[in-house]
Amino acid sequence: MKLAGVLSALFAAGALAACRSTNVPVQGSTSDGSTGEIIILDAGPSTPVAPDGAAFCNAACNYQTQEGCDVGSMCHPAMDSEQEVIATCQPAGTLAAGEPCTWLGCQPGYICAADGRCRHMCCGGDWSVCEANESCTGAVELLTLGSSVAVSAGVGVCELTDDCDVFDESSCPTGQSCYIIDSRGGLGCLPTGSSDALELCSATELCKAGLTCVASQNGVGTCSRLCRAVAGGGAPECPPTEGMTCAHYASNPPGVGECVPSAF
């Protein structure tokens, strides 16, 4: 069997992690004395919940947990003779996280990513297997043999999060905006989406800058406007004419909230 190398770890392809499950505000409010805006500072839940990545790694062996392979081997994507990506047990490498690598050189659970370093494999946007400053945002693709056609490997990788500002478009490169990418409040610069507030969004249909995707089911959600969730308030606020309240969830970065209906 011949193997094809990793084409890339596309940051935008991991945007599904930007969609969080719908939360309901429960307690802790402060009033902005200047405008009367009510801001919920601890809307909950208190503990961010990661996706069940192992369940998303649905293959002959498990990329994330490495179940299905014997000691001394590792579960790793490969291209078969039919030009299809399969999960196979390959001889284990020895290189650790972040080390410079070549194909099949990393230790079990890791893969040589597009930046030429070993990155932890993950599935379904599960950031729980990543380091604190990483999130499951990368997507591995393989090149078909003898061509430049890229095929999804069905597995992601942990990549460094960005220190960007959801309220400042200049904090990301041109054509990109800062988004919340996981339920720990991790941030990342992604290609700017076009879905407006209350419109549908997904991993491939991102919201406009200043919005976040609140998932409802099957990875499809609704764009919610972001707001400044600090005691006393601040710009941007939730539009008063829309009857919205600014609520901060555990899945939001510090000082960032979402505009939710006031009558919750």
Protein backbone atom coordinates (compact mmCIF):
# COMPACT_ATOMS: atom_id res chain seq x y z
CA MET A 1 0.00 0.00 0.00
CA LYS A 2 1.28 3.45 -0.91
CA LEU A 3 0.71 6.42 1.33
CA ALA A 4 -0.03 10.02 0.37
CA GLY A 5 1.17 12.95 2.42
CA VAL A 6 -0.86 15.51 4.28
CA LEU A 7 -2.00 18.32 2.02
CA SER A 8 -2.98 20.81 4.65
CA ALA A 9 -4.57 21.48 8.00
CA LEU A 10 -7.22 23.98 7.05
CA PHE A 11 -8.21 26.25 9.93
CA ALA A 12 -11.57 27.20 8.47
CA ALA A 13 -12.60 23.59 8.03
CA GLY A 14 -12.69 23.21 11.80
CA ALA A 15 -15.22 26.00 12.23
CA LEU A 16 -17.85 23.58 13.46
CA ALA A 17 -16.33 24.13 16.87
CA ALA A 18 -17.51 27.71 16.65
CA CYS A 19 -21.08 26.50 16.98
CA ARG A 20 -22.04 25.93 20.59
CA SER A 21 -25.17 24.37 22.01
CA THR A 22 -27.96 26.72 23.06
CA ASN A 23 -27.71 27.84 26.69
CA VAL A 24 -30.31 29.48 28.90
CA PRO A 25 -29.37 32.46 31.13
CA VAL A 26 -30.00 31.72 34.80
CA GLN A 27 -28.58 34.28 37.20
CA GLY A 28 -26.33 37.22 38.03
CA SER A 29 -27.29 40.52 36.42
CA THR A 30 -25.95 44.04 36.47
CA SER A 31 -27.56 47.19 35.15
CA ASP A 32 -25.85 49.74 32.95
CA GLY A 33 -26.92 52.95 34.65
CA SER A 34 -26.50 55.08 31.54
CA THR A 35 -28.81 53.11 29.24
CA GLY A 36 -30.74 50.78 31.53
CA GLU A 37 -29.36 47.76 29.68
CA ILE A 38 -29.38 44.57 31.76
CA ILE A 39 -26.26 42.44 31.46
CA ILE A 40 -26.19 38.82 32.65
CA LEU A 41 -22.61 38.15 33.74
CA ASP A 42 -22.93 34.46 34.70
CA ALA A 43 -25.56 33.03 32.40
CA GLY A 44 -24.08 29.50 32.62
CA PRO A 45 -23.30 26.73 32.30
CA SER A 46 -20.30 27.01 34.63
CA THR A 47 -18.40 24.10 33.05
CA PRO A 48 -17.78 24.10 29.27
CA VAL A 49 -18.72 20.78 27.67
CA ALA A 50 -16.52 19.31 24.94
CA PRO A 51 -17.92 17.26 22.04
CA ASP A 52 -17.51 13.48 22.25
CA GLY A 53 -14.63 13.37 19.81
CA ALA A 54 -13.99 9.65 20.17
CA ALA A 55 -17.51 8.92 18.94
CA PHE A 56 -16.92 11.08 15.86
CA CYS A 57 -13.78 9.10 14.96
CA ASN A 58 -15.86 6.44 13.25
CA ALA A 59 -13.31 4.26 11.46
CA ALA A 60 -11.59 0.86 11.61
CA CYS A 61 -9.42 2.23 14.42
CA ASN A 62 -9.86 5.39 16.49
CA TYR A 63 -7.63 8.35 15.59
CA GLN A 64 -8.28 10.18 18.85
CA THR A 65 -8.10 7.34 21.38
CA GLN A 66 -5.88 5.01 19.31
CA GLU A 67 -8.14 2.08 20.14
CA GLY A 68 -8.02 -0.74 17.62
CA CYS A 69 -4.23 -0.87 17.20
CA ASP A 70 -1.69 -2.96 19.06
CA VAL A 71 1.19 -1.63 21.15
CA GLY A 72 3.94 -0.36 18.89
CA SER A 73 1.53 0.72 16.16
CA MET A 74 -0.70 3.75 15.67
CA CYS A 75 -4.04 4.53 14.05
CA HIS A 76 -3.27 6.79 11.11
CA PRO A 77 -5.03 7.86 7.86
CA ALA A 78 -3.77 6.39 4.58
CA MET A 79 -4.81 6.28 0.93
CA ASP A 80 -5.74 2.83 -0.40
CA SER A 81 -5.44 1.53 -3.96
CA GLU A 82 -8.97 2.76 -4.72
CA GLN A 83 -7.97 6.33 -3.89
CA GLU A 84 -10.06 6.31 -0.73
CA VAL A 85 -8.88 7.39 2.71
CA ILE A 86 -8.91 4.64 5.31
CA ALA A 87 -7.83 4.35 8.93
CA THR A 88 -5.01 1.82 9.30
CA CYS A 89 -2.60 0.65 11.98
CA GLN A 90 0.91 1.79 11.03
CA PRO A 91 4.25 1.37 12.85
CA ALA A 92 4.33 4.00 15.58
CA GLY A 93 6.68 6.96 15.33
CA THR A 94 8.50 8.53 18.26
CA LEU A 95 8.21 12.30 17.76
CA ALA A 96 6.24 14.24 20.36
CA ALA A 97 3.83 17.17 20.14
CA GLY A 98 5.30 20.21 18.40
CA GLU A 99 8.44 18.46 17.15
CA PRO A 100 9.50 18.81 13.48
CA CYS A 101 8.34 15.72 11.63
CA THR A 102 7.89 13.75 8.45
CA TRP A 103 4.94 11.55 7.43
CA LEU A 104 4.43 8.68 9.92
CA GLY A 105 7.14 10.05 12.20
CA CYS A 106 4.92 11.13 15.12
CA GLN A 107 3.99 9.09 18.15
CA PRO A 108 0.53 7.44 18.50
CA GLY A 109 -2.31 9.95 18.53
CA TYR A 110 -0.35 12.57 16.57
CA ILE A 111 0.09 13.37 12.89
CA CYS A 112 2.58 15.44 10.93
CA ALA A 113 0.47 18.51 10.10
CA ALA A 114 0.85 21.12 7.37
CA ASP A 115 3.23 23.20 9.49
CA GLY A 116 5.66 20.26 9.59
CA ARG A 117 5.13 19.55 13.28
CA CYS A 118 3.41 16.79 15.22
CA ARG A 119 -0.13 17.78 16.20
CA HIS A 120 -2.64 15.77 18.22
CA MET A 121 -5.41 14.21 16.15
CA CYS A 122 -8.98 15.00 17.22
CA CYS A 123 -12.50 14.52 15.90
CA GLY A 124 -15.74 16.49 15.95
CA GLY A 125 -14.13 19.66 17.28
CA ASP A 126 -13.23 17.94 20.57
CA TRP A 127 -10.83 20.37 22.22
CA SER A 128 -10.50 18.27 25.39
CA VAL A 129 -7.47 16.41 23.95
CA CYS A 130 -5.73 19.66 23.00
CA GLU A 131 -3.47 21.86 25.07
CA ALA A 132 -4.99 24.89 26.85
CA ASN A 133 -3.85 27.25 24.07
CA GLU A 134 -5.07 24.95 21.29
CA SER A 135 -8.39 23.87 19.82
CA CYS A 136 -9.54 21.14 17.43
CA THR A 137 -9.75 23.41 14.41
CA GLY A 138 -7.49 21.84 11.77
CA ALA A 139 -8.68 19.44 9.08
CA VAL A 140 -6.35 16.86 7.51
CA GLU A 141 -6.57 16.14 3.79
CA LEU A 142 -4.63 13.67 1.66
CA LEU A 143 -3.60 13.96 -1.97
CA THR A 144 -4.79 11.22 -4.30
CA LEU A 145 -1.95 9.29 -5.87
CA GLY A 146 -0.59 10.86 -9.06
CA SER A 147 -2.83 13.93 -8.87
CA SER A 148 -3.46 17.10 -6.91
CA VAL A 149 -6.99 16.19 -5.81
CA ALA A 150 -7.43 16.66 -2.05
CA VAL A 151 -9.54 14.18 -0.08
CA SER A 152 -10.69 14.70 3.48
CA ALA A 153 -9.06 12.30 5.93
CA GLY A 154 -12.01 12.51 8.30
CA VAL A 155 -9.86 13.68 11.20
CA GLY A 156 -8.84 17.03 12.65
CA VAL A 157 -5.78 18.29 14.48
CA CYS A 158 -5.20 20.56 17.45
CA GLU A 159 -3.96 23.99 16.37
CA LEU A 160 -2.93 27.06 18.31
CA THR A 161 -5.76 29.48 19.05
CA ASP A 162 -5.43 33.16 18.16
CA ASP A 163 -5.17 36.11 20.51
CA CYS A 164 -7.70 38.10 18.48
CA ASP A 165 -10.55 40.40 19.52
CA VAL A 166 -14.12 39.65 18.42
CA PHE A 167 -14.87 43.37 18.59
CA ASP A 168 -11.87 44.46 16.51
CA GLU A 169 -11.74 43.33 12.87
CA SER A 170 -8.18 44.63 12.57
CA SER A 171 -7.01 41.89 14.97
CA CYS A 172 -7.22 39.36 12.09
CA PRO A 173 -5.70 39.35 8.58
CA THR A 174 -7.63 40.98 5.74
CA GLY A 175 -10.62 38.87 4.72
CA GLN A 176 -10.83 37.17 8.12
CA SER A 177 -12.64 37.93 11.36
CA CYS A 178 -12.26 36.81 14.97
CA TYR A 179 -14.68 34.05 16.02
CA ILE A 180 -15.38 31.99 19.13
CA ILE A 181 -14.22 28.54 18.03
CA ASP A 182 -14.95 26.27 21.00
CA SER A 183 -16.98 26.08 24.20
CA ARG A 184 -14.01 27.17 26.32
CA GLY A 185 -14.12 30.61 24.71
CA GLY A 186 -11.17 29.87 22.41
CA LEU A 187 -10.70 32.40 19.63
CA GLY A 188 -9.58 32.04 16.03
CA CYS A 189 -9.31 34.06 12.83
CA LEU A 190 -11.50 32.55 10.11
CA PRO A 191 -12.65 33.75 6.67
CA THR A 192 -15.40 36.31 7.31
CA GLY A 193 -18.86 34.79 6.91
CA SER A 194 -22.01 36.28 5.41
CA SER A 195 -24.85 35.05 7.66
CA ASP A 196 -26.50 37.87 9.61
CA ALA A 197 -28.08 37.88 13.07
CA LEU A 198 -30.85 35.25 13.42
CA GLU A 199 -29.85 33.64 10.10
CA LEU A 200 -28.73 30.03 9.83
CA CYS A 201 -25.06 29.13 10.25
CA SER A 202 -22.84 26.06 10.23
CA ALA A 203 -19.22 24.96 9.84
CA THR A 204 -19.30 26.08 6.22
CA GLU A 205 -21.74 29.00 6.50
CA LEU A 206 -20.12 31.32 9.01
CA CYS A 207 -21.71 34.35 10.61
CA LYS A 208 -20.66 37.90 9.86
CA ALA A 209 -18.00 39.58 11.99
CA GLY A 210 -19.22 40.36 15.50
CA LEU A 211 -21.59 37.38 15.59
CA THR A 212 -21.33 33.80 16.84
CA CYS A 213 -23.04 30.58 15.74
CA VAL A 214 -25.33 29.08 18.39
CA ALA A 215 -25.97 25.48 17.38
CA SER A 216 -29.42 23.94 17.70
CA GLN A 217 -29.10 20.49 16.08
CA ASN A 218 -27.03 18.59 13.54
CA GLY A 219 -24.37 21.29 13.59
CA VAL A 220 -26.78 23.87 12.17
CA GLY A 221 -27.45 26.93 14.26
CA THR A 222 -28.41 30.58 14.32
CA CYS A 223 -26.16 33.63 14.33
CA SER A 224 -26.26 35.58 17.59
CA ARG A 225 -24.94 39.11 17.99
CA LEU A 226 -21.98 39.54 20.37
CA CYS A 227 -21.94 42.27 23.01
CA ARG A 228 -19.72 43.73 25.73
CA ALA A 229 -20.55 41.80 28.93
CA VAL A 230 -18.88 43.78 31.70
CA ALA A 231 -20.26 45.46 34.81
CA GLY A 232 -21.65 48.81 33.76
CA GLY A 233 -21.87 47.81 30.10
CA GLY A 234 -19.97 49.11 27.12
CA ALA A 235 -19.91 49.08 23.34
CA PRO A 236 -21.05 47.15 21.46
CA GLU A 237 -24.42 46.87 23.17
CA CYS A 238 -27.45 44.83 22.21
CA PRO A 239 -29.76 46.98 20.07
CA PRO A 240 -32.42 48.29 22.51
CA THR A 241 -35.08 48.19 19.79
CA GLU A 242 -34.71 44.41 19.46
CA GLY A 243 -35.60 43.62 23.09
CA MET A 244 -32.34 41.76 23.72
CA THR A 245 -30.23 41.22 26.83
CA CYS A 246 -26.45 40.80 26.86
CA ALA A 247 -25.61 37.46 28.52
CA HIS A 248 -22.15 36.04 29.18
CA TYR A 249 -21.79 32.24 29.06
CA ALA A 250 -18.92 30.03 30.17
CA SER A 251 -18.40 29.31 26.47
CA ASN A 252 -17.69 33.00 25.80
CA PRO A 253 -14.33 34.74 26.28
CA PRO A 254 -14.06 37.09 29.29
CA GLY A 255 -16.01 40.30 28.75
CA VAL A 256 -17.89 38.91 25.74
CA GLY A 257 -21.58 38.08 25.75
CA GLU A 258 -24.40 37.21 23.38
CA CYS A 259 -27.61 39.11 22.69
CA VAL A 260 -30.49 36.91 23.83
CA PRO A 261 -34.23 37.65 24.15
CA SER A 262 -34.86 39.68 27.32
CA ALA A 263 -37.91 37.59 28.25
CA PHE A 264 -36.04 34.37 28.99
